[in-house]
Amino acid sequence: MQLSEGKLIAPDGTAEPLEQAVSRVTKGPLEVYAEHIPQGLPPASMEKVYQG
């Protein structure tokens, strides 16, 4: 899944507005966590963050 221009976009290109997708999941607050690995770092970098 990708988030682009306020829409969730599936690998097959199907898109849905984020607000509509979230409303199907919950009518209350939604807590979101994001992780980012800067360009040039290996994918295992995030695992190392959680290992201390």
PDB file of N, CA and C in Angstrom:
ATOM      1  N   MET A   1       0.827  -1.171   0.000  1.00  0.00           N
ATOM      2  CA  MET A   1       0.000   0.000   0.000  1.00  0.00           C
ATOM      3  C   MET A   1       0.875   1.238   0.000  1.00  0.00           C
ATOM      4  N   GLN A   2       0.397   2.244  -0.702  1.00  0.00           N
ATOM      5  CA  GLN A   2       1.063   3.543  -0.707  1.00  0.00           C
ATOM      6  C   GLN A   2       0.040   4.608  -0.354  1.00  0.00           C
ATOM      7  N   LEU A   3       0.514   5.685   0.225  1.00  0.00           N
ATOM      8  CA  LEU A   3      -0.328   6.843   0.497  1.00  0.00           C
ATOM      9  C   LEU A   3       0.126   7.952  -0.429  1.00  0.00           C
ATOM     10  N   SER A   4      -0.770   8.419  -1.280  1.00  0.00           N
ATOM     11  CA  SER A   4      -0.416   9.466  -2.224  1.00  0.00           C
ATOM     12  C   SER A   4      -1.625  10.374  -2.443  1.00  0.00           C
ATOM     13  N   GLU A   5      -1.404  11.663  -2.295  1.00  0.00           N
ATOM     14  CA  GLU A   5      -2.445  12.664  -2.537  1.00  0.00           C
ATOM     15  C   GLU A   5      -3.724  12.374  -1.753  1.00  0.00           C
ATOM     16  N   GLY A   6      -3.553  11.915  -0.501  1.00  0.00           N
ATOM     17  CA  GLY A   6      -4.698  11.672   0.362  1.00  0.00           C
ATOM     18  C   GLY A   6      -5.446  10.386   0.079  1.00  0.00           C
ATOM     19  N   LYS A   7      -4.855   9.513  -0.727  1.00  0.00           N
ATOM     20  CA  LYS A   7      -5.500   8.249  -1.068  1.00  0.00           C
ATOM     21  C   LYS A   7      -4.582   7.080  -0.748  1.00  0.00           C
ATOM     22  N   LEU A   8      -5.188   5.962  -0.317  1.00  0.00           N
ATOM     23  CA  LEU A   8      -4.448   4.711  -0.194  1.00  0.00           C
ATOM     24  C   LEU A   8      -4.507   4.035  -1.552  1.00  0.00           C
ATOM     25  N   ILE A   9      -3.359   3.586  -2.032  1.00  0.00           N
ATOM     26  CA  ILE A   9      -3.300   2.978  -3.355  1.00  0.00           C
ATOM     27  C   ILE A   9      -2.722   1.572  -3.227  1.00  0.00           C
ATOM     28  N   ALA A  10      -3.497   0.596  -3.677  1.00  0.00           N
ATOM     29  CA  ALA A  10      -3.093  -0.812  -3.628  1.00  0.00           C
ATOM     30  C   ALA A  10      -2.135  -1.121  -4.775  1.00  0.00           C
ATOM     31  N   PRO A  11      -1.393  -2.229  -4.664  1.00  0.00           N
ATOM     32  CA  PRO A  11      -0.460  -2.597  -5.739  1.00  0.00           C
ATOM     33  C   PRO A  11      -1.128  -2.737  -7.112  1.00  0.00           C
ATOM     34  N   ASP A  12      -2.419  -3.083  -7.131  1.00  0.00           N
ATOM     35  CA  ASP A  12      -3.105  -3.224  -8.425  1.00  0.00           C
ATOM     36  C   ASP A  12      -3.625  -1.896  -8.964  1.00  0.00           C
ATOM     37  N   GLY A  13      -3.357  -0.789  -8.229  1.00  0.00           N
ATOM     38  CA  GLY A  13      -3.767   0.537  -8.682  1.00  0.00           C
ATOM     39  C   GLY A  13      -5.100   1.002  -8.127  1.00  0.00           C
ATOM     40  N   THR A  14      -5.825   0.118  -7.446  1.00  0.00           N
ATOM     41  CA  THR A  14      -7.083   0.510  -6.826  1.00  0.00           C
ATOM     42  C   THR A  14      -6.801   1.568  -5.766  1.00  0.00           C
ATOM     43  N   ALA A  15      -7.595   2.639  -5.760  1.00  0.00           N
ATOM     44  CA  ALA A  15      -7.366   3.731  -4.816  1.00  0.00           C
ATOM     45  C   ALA A  15      -8.633   4.021  -4.018  1.00  0.00           C
ATOM     46  N   GLU A  16      -8.426   4.490  -2.791  1.00  0.00           N
ATOM     47  CA  GLU A  16      -9.533   4.862  -1.921  1.00  0.00           C
ATOM     48  C   GLU A  16      -9.087   6.047  -1.072  1.00  0.00           C
ATOM     49  N   PRO A  17      -9.929   7.055  -0.927  1.00  0.00           N
ATOM     50  CA  PRO A  17      -9.558   8.178  -0.065  1.00  0.00           C
ATOM     51  C   PRO A  17      -9.235   7.688   1.345  1.00  0.00           C
ATOM     52  N   LEU A  18      -8.197   8.239   1.944  1.00  0.00           N
ATOM     53  CA  LEU A  18      -7.761   7.819   3.268  1.00  0.00           C
ATOM     54  C   LEU A  18      -8.889   7.952   4.284  1.00  0.00           C
ATOM     55  N   GLU A  19      -9.615   9.052   4.250  1.00  0.00           N
ATOM     56  CA  GLU A  19     -10.708   9.261   5.200  1.00  0.00           C
ATOM     57  C   GLU A  19     -11.751   8.149   5.109  1.00  0.00           C
ATOM     58  N   GLN A  20     -12.067   7.714   3.920  1.00  0.00           N
ATOM     59  CA  GLN A  20     -13.048   6.644   3.721  1.00  0.00           C
ATOM     60  C   GLN A  20     -12.512   5.316   4.258  1.00  0.00           C
ATOM     61  N   ALA A  21     -11.246   5.017   3.997  1.00  0.00           N
ATOM     62  CA  ALA A  21     -10.646   3.769   4.477  1.00  0.00           C
ATOM     63  C   ALA A  21     -10.606   3.730   5.998  1.00  0.00           C
ATOM     64  N   VAL A  22     -10.226   4.829   6.633  1.00  0.00           N
ATOM     65  CA  VAL A  22     -10.134   4.886   8.082  1.00  0.00           C
ATOM     66  C   VAL A  22     -11.528   4.744   8.708  1.00  0.00           C
ATOM     67  N   SER A  23     -12.538   5.345   8.097  1.00  0.00           N
ATOM     68  CA  SER A  23     -13.884   5.276   8.669  1.00  0.00           C
ATOM     69  C   SER A  23     -14.428   3.852   8.651  1.00  0.00           C
ATOM     70  N   ARG A  24     -13.939   3.003   7.775  1.00  0.00           N
ATOM     71  CA  ARG A  24     -14.355   1.590   7.765  1.00  0.00           C
ATOM     72  C   ARG A  24     -13.715   0.816   8.905  1.00  0.00           C
ATOM     73  N   VAL A  25     -12.587   1.294   9.395  1.00  0.00           N
ATOM     74  CA  VAL A  25     -11.842   0.593  10.442  1.00  0.00           C
ATOM     75  C   VAL A  25     -12.315   0.988  11.835  1.00  0.00           C
ATOM     76  N   THR A  26     -12.534   2.274  12.053  1.00  0.00           N
ATOM     77  CA  THR A  26     -12.896   2.751  13.379  1.00  0.00           C
ATOM     78  C   THR A  26     -13.708   4.035  13.285  1.00  0.00           C
ATOM     79  N   LYS A  27     -14.570   4.213  14.250  1.00  0.00           N
ATOM     80  CA  LYS A  27     -15.318   5.471  14.347  1.00  0.00           C
ATOM     81  C   LYS A  27     -14.667   6.396  15.372  1.00  0.00           C
ATOM     82  N   GLY A  28     -13.652   5.899  16.057  1.00  0.00           N
ATOM     83  CA  GLY A  28     -12.948   6.691  17.069  1.00  0.00           C
ATOM     84  C   GLY A  28     -11.578   7.102  16.586  1.00  0.00           C
ATOM     85  N   PRO A  29     -10.705   7.461  17.522  1.00  0.00           N
ATOM     86  CA  PRO A  29      -9.349   7.886  17.161  1.00  0.00           C
ATOM     87  C   PRO A  29      -8.539   6.741  16.544  1.00  0.00           C
ATOM     88  N   LEU A  30      -7.630   7.103  15.705  1.00  0.00           N
ATOM     89  CA  LEU A  30      -6.727   6.138  15.078  1.00  0.00           C
ATOM     90  C   LEU A  30      -5.306   6.595  15.358  1.00  0.00           C
ATOM     91  N   GLU A  31      -4.514   5.726  15.972  1.00  0.00           N
ATOM     92  CA  GLU A  31      -3.122   6.055  16.285  1.00  0.00           C
ATOM     93  C   GLU A  31      -2.233   5.417  15.224  1.00  0.00           C
ATOM     94  N   VAL A  32      -1.314   6.199  14.701  1.00  0.00           N
ATOM     95  CA  VAL A  32      -0.472   5.739  13.596  1.00  0.00           C
ATOM     96  C   VAL A  32       0.999   5.920  13.960  1.00  0.00           C
ATOM     97  N   TYR A  33       1.790   4.924  13.640  1.00  0.00           N
ATOM     98  CA  TYR A  33       3.238   4.992  13.817  1.00  0.00           C
ATOM     99  C   TYR A  33       3.884   4.868  12.437  1.00  0.00           C
ATOM    100  N   ALA A  34       4.919   5.623  12.206  1.00  0.00           N
ATOM    101  CA  ALA A  34       5.626   5.556  10.927  1.00  0.00           C
ATOM    102  C   ALA A  34       7.107   5.333  11.176  1.00  0.00           C
ATOM    103  N   GLU A  35       7.698   4.563  10.324  1.00  0.00           N
ATOM    104  CA  GLU A  35       9.137   4.321  10.390  1.00  0.00           C
ATOM    105  C   GLU A  35       9.740   4.737   9.063  1.00  0.00           C
ATOM    106  N   HIS A  36      10.936   5.266   9.137  1.00  0.00           N
ATOM    107  CA  HIS A  36      11.610   5.722   7.920  1.00  0.00           C
ATOM    108  C   HIS A  36      13.071   5.315   8.001  1.00  0.00           C
ATOM    109  N   ILE A  37      13.531   4.678   6.967  1.00  0.00           N
ATOM    110  CA  ILE A  37      14.950   4.334   6.865  1.00  0.00           C
ATOM    111  C   ILE A  37      15.543   5.264   5.801  1.00  0.00           C
ATOM    112  N   PRO A  38      16.432   6.164   6.209  1.00  0.00           N
ATOM    113  CA  PRO A  38      17.016   7.098   5.246  1.00  0.00           C
ATOM    114  C   PRO A  38      17.720   6.370   4.102  1.00  0.00           C
ATOM    115  N   GLN A  39      17.689   6.985   2.950  1.00  0.00           N
ATOM    116  CA  GLN A  39      18.327   6.416   1.767  1.00  0.00           C
ATOM    117  C   GLN A  39      19.800   6.141   2.053  1.00  0.00           C
ATOM    118  N   GLY A  40      20.249   4.978   1.638  1.00  0.00           N
ATOM    119  CA  GLY A  40      21.645   4.612   1.820  1.00  0.00           C
ATOM    120  C   GLY A  40      21.887   3.685   2.999  1.00  0.00           C
ATOM    121  N   LEU A  41      20.933   3.612   3.929  1.00  0.00           N
ATOM    122  CA  LEU A  41      21.080   2.697   5.059  1.00  0.00           C
ATOM    123  C   LEU A  41      20.474   1.348   4.715  1.00  0.00           C
ATOM    124  N   PRO A  42      21.037   0.264   5.242  1.00  0.00           N
ATOM    125  CA  PRO A  42      20.503  -1.060   4.935  1.00  0.00           C
ATOM    126  C   PRO A  42      19.139  -1.273   5.597  1.00  0.00           C
ATOM    127  N   PRO A  43      18.285  -2.132   5.018  1.00  0.00           N
ATOM    128  CA  PRO A  43      16.964  -2.410   5.578  1.00  0.00           C
ATOM    129  C   PRO A  43      17.016  -2.869   7.038  1.00  0.00           C
ATOM    130  N   ALA A  44      18.082  -3.508   7.457  1.00  0.00           N
ATOM    131  CA  ALA A  44      18.202  -4.005   8.841  1.00  0.00           C
ATOM    132  C   ALA A  44      18.370  -2.870   9.840  1.00  0.00           C
ATOM    133  N   SER A  45      18.531  -1.651   9.385  1.00  0.00           N
ATOM    134  CA  SER A  45      18.736  -0.510  10.283  1.00  0.00           C
ATOM    135  C   SER A  45      17.590  -0.364  11.284  1.00  0.00           C
ATOM    136  N   MET A  46      16.356  -0.563  10.840  1.00  0.00           N
ATOM    137  CA  MET A  46      15.211  -0.414  11.743  1.00  0.00           C
ATOM    138  C   MET A  46      15.209  -1.509  12.798  1.00  0.00           C
ATOM    139  N   GLU A  47      15.600  -2.694  12.433  1.00  0.00           N
ATOM    140  CA  GLU A  47      15.691  -3.790  13.419  1.00  0.00           C
ATOM    141  C   GLU A  47      16.690  -3.425  14.524  1.00  0.00           C
ATOM    142  N   LYS A  48      17.785  -2.806  14.158  1.00  0.00           N
ATOM    143  CA  LYS A  48      18.787  -2.418  15.143  1.00  0.00           C
ATOM    144  C   LYS A  48      18.259  -1.365  16.109  1.00  0.00           C
ATOM    145  N   VAL A  49      17.377  -0.498  15.657  1.00  0.00           N
ATOM    146  CA  VAL A  49      16.791   0.517  16.537  1.00  0.00           C
ATOM    147  C   VAL A  49      16.020  -0.180  17.652  1.00  0.00           C
ATOM    148  N   TYR A  50      15.254  -1.196  17.319  1.00  0.00           N
ATOM    149  CA  TYR A  50      14.433  -1.882  18.303  1.00  0.00           C
ATOM    150  C   TYR A  50      15.244  -2.816  19.206  1.00  0.00           C
ATOM    151  N   GLN A  51      16.418  -3.196  18.769  1.00  0.00           N
ATOM    152  CA  GLN A  51      17.268  -4.067  19.577  1.00  0.00           C
ATOM    153  C   GLN A  51      18.101  -3.252  20.573  1.00  0.00           C
ATOM    154  N   GLY A  52      18.095  -1.952  20.440  1.00  0.00           N
ATOM    155  CA  GLY A  52      18.833  -1.090  21.365  1.00  0.00           C
ATOM    156  C   GLY A  52      20.163  -0.811  20.837  1.00  0.00           C
TER     157      GLY A  52
END
